[in-house]
C-alpha atoms as a PDB file:
ATOM      1  CA  MET A   1      75.525  89.274  37.075  1.00  0.00           C
ATOM      2  CA  GLU A   2      74.998  87.442  40.364  1.00  0.00           C
ATOM      3  CA  GLU A   3      72.175  85.396  38.778  1.00  0.00           C
ATOM      4  CA  GLN A   4      74.504  84.404  35.913  1.00  0.00           C
ATOM      5  CA  ASN A   5      77.210  83.312  38.385  1.00  0.00           C
ATOM      6  CA  ILE A   6      74.712  81.170  40.289  1.00  0.00           C
ATOM      7  CA  PHE A   7      73.516  79.611  37.023  1.00  0.00           C
ATOM      8  CA  GLU A   8      77.124  78.842  36.060  1.00  0.00           C
ATOM      9  CA  LEU A   9      77.786  77.307  39.490  1.00  0.00           C
ATOM     10  CA  ILE A  10      74.701  75.098  39.220  1.00  0.00           C
ATOM     11  CA  HIS A  11      75.552  74.094  35.663  1.00  0.00           C
ATOM     12  CA  ASN A  12      79.165  73.252  36.520  1.00  0.00           C
ATOM     13  CA  MET A  13      78.191  71.398  39.686  1.00  0.00           C
ATOM     14  CA  ASP A  14      75.608  69.304  37.810  1.00  0.00           C
ATOM     15  CA  ASN A  15      78.090  68.627  35.021  1.00  0.00           C
ATOM     16  CA  PHE A  16      80.757  67.556  37.529  1.00  0.00           C
ATOM     17  CA  THR A  17      78.329  65.332  39.440  1.00  0.00           C
ATOM     18  CA  ASN A  18      77.111  63.635  36.266  1.00  0.00           C
ATOM     19  CA  LYS A  19      80.647  62.983  35.038  1.00  0.00           C
ATOM     20  CA  LEU A  20      81.662  61.640  38.453  1.00  0.00           C
ATOM     21  CA  ILE A  21      78.699  59.243  38.471  1.00  0.00           C
ATOM     22  CA  ILE A  22      79.571  58.070  34.959  1.00  0.00           C
ATOM     23  CA  GLN A  23      83.201  57.470  36.005  1.00  0.00           C
ATOM     24  CA  TRP A  24      82.040  55.599  39.114  1.00  0.00           C
ATOM     25  CA  ASN A  25      79.667  53.446  37.032  1.00  0.00           C
ATOM     26  CA  LYS A  26      82.517  52.543  34.675  1.00  0.00           C
ATOM     27  CA  SER A  27      84.903  51.598  37.472  1.00  0.00           C
ATOM     28  CA  PHE A  28      82.444  49.827  39.786  1.00  0.00           C
ATOM     29  CA  ASN A  29      81.663  46.527  38.065  1.00  0.00           C
ATOM     30  CA  GLU A  30      78.627  45.337  40.014  1.00  0.00           C
ATOM     31  CA  ASP A  31      75.771  46.187  37.621  1.00  0.00           C
ATOM     32  CA  LEU A  32      74.378  48.562  40.242  1.00  0.00           C
ATOM     33  CA  GLY A  33      73.642  52.249  40.070  1.00  0.00           C
ATOM     34  CA  VAL A  34      74.107  54.983  42.617  1.00  0.00           C
ATOM     35  CA  SER A  35      70.483  54.600  43.766  1.00  0.00           C
ATOM     36  CA  HIS A  36      71.088  50.950  44.651  1.00  0.00           C
ATOM     37  CA  VAL A  37      74.103  51.973  46.709  1.00  0.00           C
ATOM     38  CA  LEU A  38      72.066  54.671  48.466  1.00  0.00           C
ATOM     39  CA  VAL A  39      69.493  52.052  49.475  1.00  0.00           C
ATOM     40  CA  LEU A  40      72.234  49.714  50.732  1.00  0.00           C
ATOM     41  CA  SER A  41      73.791  52.584  52.651  1.00  0.00           C
ATOM     42  CA  HIS A  42      70.467  53.427  54.283  1.00  0.00           C
ATOM     43  CA  LEU A  43      69.953  49.794  55.304  1.00  0.00           C
ATOM     44  CA  ASN A  44      73.494  49.527  56.622  1.00  0.00           C
ATOM     45  CA  GLN A  45      73.084  52.648  58.752  1.00  0.00           C
ATOM     46  CA  ASN A  46      69.477  52.126  59.895  1.00  0.00           C
ATOM     47  CA  GLY A  47      68.907  48.375  59.853  1.00  0.00           C
ATOM     48  CA  LYS A  48      65.771  46.785  58.470  1.00  0.00           C
ATOM     49  CA  SER A  49      63.393  49.356  57.044  1.00  0.00           C
ATOM     50  CA  ARG A  50      60.069  49.502  55.287  1.00  0.00           C
ATOM     51  CA  PRO A  51      60.503  50.240  51.576  1.00  0.00           C
ATOM     52  CA  SER A  52      58.010  53.110  51.768  1.00  0.00           C
ATOM     53  CA  ASP A  53      60.104  54.756  54.505  1.00  0.00           C
ATOM     54  CA  ILE A  54      63.290  54.337  52.479  1.00  0.00           C
ATOM     55  CA  ALA A  55      61.588  55.841  49.415  1.00  0.00           C
ATOM     56  CA  LYS A  56      60.491  58.923  51.392  1.00  0.00           C
ATOM     57  CA  LEU A  57      63.919  59.461  52.952  1.00  0.00           C
ATOM     58  CA  LEU A  58      65.755  59.116  49.642  1.00  0.00           C
ATOM     59  CA  GLY A  59      63.213  61.122  47.643  1.00  0.00           C
ATOM     60  CA  LEU A  60      62.230  58.177  45.464  1.00  0.00           C
ATOM     61  CA  THR A  61      58.815  56.980  44.369  1.00  0.00           C
ATOM     62  CA  PRO A  62      57.547  53.689  45.831  1.00  0.00           C
ATOM     63  CA  PRO A  63      57.634  51.971  42.394  1.00  0.00           C
ATOM     64  CA  THR A  64      61.257  53.075  41.935  1.00  0.00           C
ATOM     65  CA  LEU A  65      62.182  51.720  45.360  1.00  0.00           C
ATOM     66  CA  SER A  66      60.380  48.475  44.542  1.00  0.00           C
ATOM     67  CA  TYR A  67      62.431  48.131  41.338  1.00  0.00           C
ATOM     68  CA  LEU A  68      65.677  48.834  43.221  1.00  0.00           C
ATOM     69  CA  ALA A  69      64.746  46.394  45.999  1.00  0.00           C
ATOM     70  CA  ASP A  70      63.918  43.638  43.485  1.00  0.00           C
ATOM     71  CA  LYS A  71      67.398  43.898  41.990  1.00  0.00           C
ATOM     72  CA  LEU A  72      69.118  44.013  45.400  1.00  0.00           C
ATOM     73  CA  VAL A  73      67.192  40.939  46.541  1.00  0.00           C
ATOM     74  CA  ALA A  74      67.877  39.094  43.264  1.00  0.00           C
ATOM     75  CA  LYS A  75      71.610  39.782  43.689  1.00  0.00           C
ATOM     76  CA  LYS A  76      71.379  38.634  47.354  1.00  0.00           C
ATOM     77  CA  LEU A  77      72.511  42.041  48.591  1.00  0.00           C
ATOM     78  CA  ALA A  78      69.304  42.522  50.566  1.00  0.00           C
ATOM     79  CA  VAL A  79      66.471  40.358  51.850  1.00  0.00           C
ATOM     80  CA  ARG A  80      62.785  40.948  52.437  1.00  0.00           C
ATOM     81  CA  ILE A  81      61.587  40.164  55.956  1.00  0.00           C
ATOM     82  CA  VAL A  82      57.927  39.722  56.890  1.00  0.00           C
ATOM     83  CA  ASP A  83      56.848  41.362  60.162  1.00  0.00           C
ATOM     84  CA  GLU A  84      55.924  38.652  62.677  1.00  0.00           C
ATOM     85  CA  ALA A  85      53.116  40.688  64.246  1.00  0.00           C
ATOM     86  CA  ASP A  86      51.601  41.939  60.982  1.00  0.00           C
ATOM     87  CA  ARG A  87      52.324  39.795  57.931  1.00  0.00           C
ATOM     88  CA  ARG A  88      51.258  42.659  55.637  1.00  0.00           C
ATOM     89  CA  ILE A  89      54.346  44.632  56.629  1.00  0.00           C
ATOM     90  CA  ILE A  90      57.510  43.832  54.702  1.00  0.00           C
ATOM     91  CA  TYR A  91      60.962  45.095  55.636  1.00  0.00           C
ATOM     92  CA  LEU A  92      64.119  45.253  53.585  1.00  0.00           C
ATOM     93  CA  ASN A  93      67.443  44.429  55.216  1.00  0.00           C
ATOM     94  CA  ILE A  94      71.037  44.340  53.995  1.00  0.00           C
ATOM     95  CA  THR A  95      72.925  41.036  53.802  1.00  0.00           C
ATOM     96  CA  ASP A  96      76.592  40.380  54.529  1.00  0.00           C
ATOM     97  CA  LYS A  97      77.184  40.308  50.783  1.00  0.00           C
ATOM     98  CA  GLY A  98      75.377  43.647  50.532  1.00  0.00           C
ATOM     99  CA  ILE A  99      77.686  45.128  53.167  1.00  0.00           C
ATOM    100  CA  GLU A 100      80.733  43.919  51.211  1.00  0.00           C
ATOM    101  CA  VAL A 101      79.439  45.436  47.964  1.00  0.00           C
ATOM    102  CA  LEU A 102      78.580  48.695  49.751  1.00  0.00           C
ATOM    103  CA  GLU A 103      82.097  48.907  51.192  1.00  0.00           C
ATOM    104  CA  ARG A 104      83.602  48.375  47.725  1.00  0.00           C
ATOM    105  CA  ALA A 105      81.284  51.032  46.247  1.00  0.00           C
ATOM    106  CA  ILE A 106      82.321  53.512  48.923  1.00  0.00           C
ATOM    107  CA  LEU A 107      86.007  52.757  48.407  1.00  0.00           C
ATOM    108  CA  GLU A 108      85.660  53.185  44.649  1.00  0.00           C
ATOM    109  CA  GLY A 109      83.956  56.550  45.130  1.00  0.00           C
ATOM    110  CA  GLN A 110      86.635  57.677  47.570  1.00  0.00           C
ATOM    111  CA  LYS A 111      89.376  56.615  45.171  1.00  0.00           C
ATOM    112  CA  LEU A 112      87.819  58.574  42.303  1.00  0.00           C
ATOM    113  CA  ARG A 113      87.427  61.724  44.393  1.00  0.00           C
ATOM    114  CA  LYS A 114      90.900  61.413  45.892  1.00  0.00           C
ATOM    115  CA  ASN A 115      92.433  61.207  42.416  1.00  0.00           C
ATOM    116  CA  LEU A 116      90.539  64.333  41.383  1.00  0.00           C
ATOM    117  CA  PHE A 117      91.315  66.311  44.528  1.00  0.00           C
ATOM    118  CA  GLN A 118      95.020  65.467  44.291  1.00  0.00           C
ATOM    119  CA  LYS A 119      95.119  67.412  41.034  1.00  0.00           C
ATOM    120  CA  LEU A 120      94.184  70.591  42.922  1.00  0.00           C
ATOM    121  CA  THR A 121      96.612  72.805  44.794  1.00  0.00           C
ATOM    122  CA  GLU A 122      96.651  72.757  48.586  1.00  0.00           C
ATOM    123  CA  GLU A 123      95.052  76.216  48.542  1.00  0.00           C
ATOM    124  CA  ASP A 124      92.264  75.021  46.196  1.00  0.00           C
ATOM    125  CA  ARG A 125      91.545  72.050  48.491  1.00  0.00           C
ATOM    126  CA  ALA A 126      91.416  74.314  51.566  1.00  0.00           C
ATOM    127  CA  GLN A 127      88.953  76.606  49.773  1.00  0.00           C
ATOM    128  CA  LEU A 128      86.802  73.629  48.805  1.00  0.00           C
ATOM    129  CA  VAL A 129      86.764  72.393  52.403  1.00  0.00           C
ATOM    130  CA  ASN A 130      85.529  75.796  53.555  1.00  0.00           C
ATOM    131  CA  ILE A 131      82.904  75.987  50.813  1.00  0.00           C
ATOM    132  CA  PHE A 132      81.568  72.485  51.503  1.00  0.00           C
ATOM    133  CA  GLU A 133      81.454  73.162  55.254  1.00  0.00           C
ATOM    134  CA  LYS A 134      79.380  76.309  54.635  1.00  0.00           C
ATOM    135  CA  MET A 135      77.055  74.506  52.241  1.00  0.00           C
ATOM    136  CA  ASN A 136      76.595  71.576  54.634  1.00  0.00           C
ATOM    137  CA  ARG A 137      75.650  73.976  57.434  1.00  0.00           C
ATOM    138  CA  GLU A 138      73.061  75.571  55.129  1.00  0.00           C
ATOM    139  CA  ILE A 139      71.554  72.217  54.162  1.00  0.00           C
ATOM    140  CA  GLU A 140      71.329  71.130  57.791  1.00  0.00           C
ATOM    141  CA  LYS A 141      69.295  74.197  58.792  1.00  0.00           C
END
């Protein structure tokens, strides 16, 4: 029985996440996916970074990161910077336009979640807060 409950939790969580991403994609009109936003977020938080390092941190393959970076650079949301000391090393950095798009993406995601959470009772929201706090502590171990 416990195994079935865990399976149902995983299934429902995946289903919810997928539907939330689809809703976000429909409402965020920038021709960018969640992975692009994750890369922009990393750059915004960490500054210029080597694509291989970003790929490792985000659990992406180097070719996938290269594809994402190409699109971000083409849209002028990020730039490639050559290392002065070693011209073989290339960094990716966020642009001002990239920061603006990232902020809009974050706001759109917050708006979607807020609308969903407002449909829950106060008690349901309090339970969710407790559950997410427990899960975050587990992930951080």
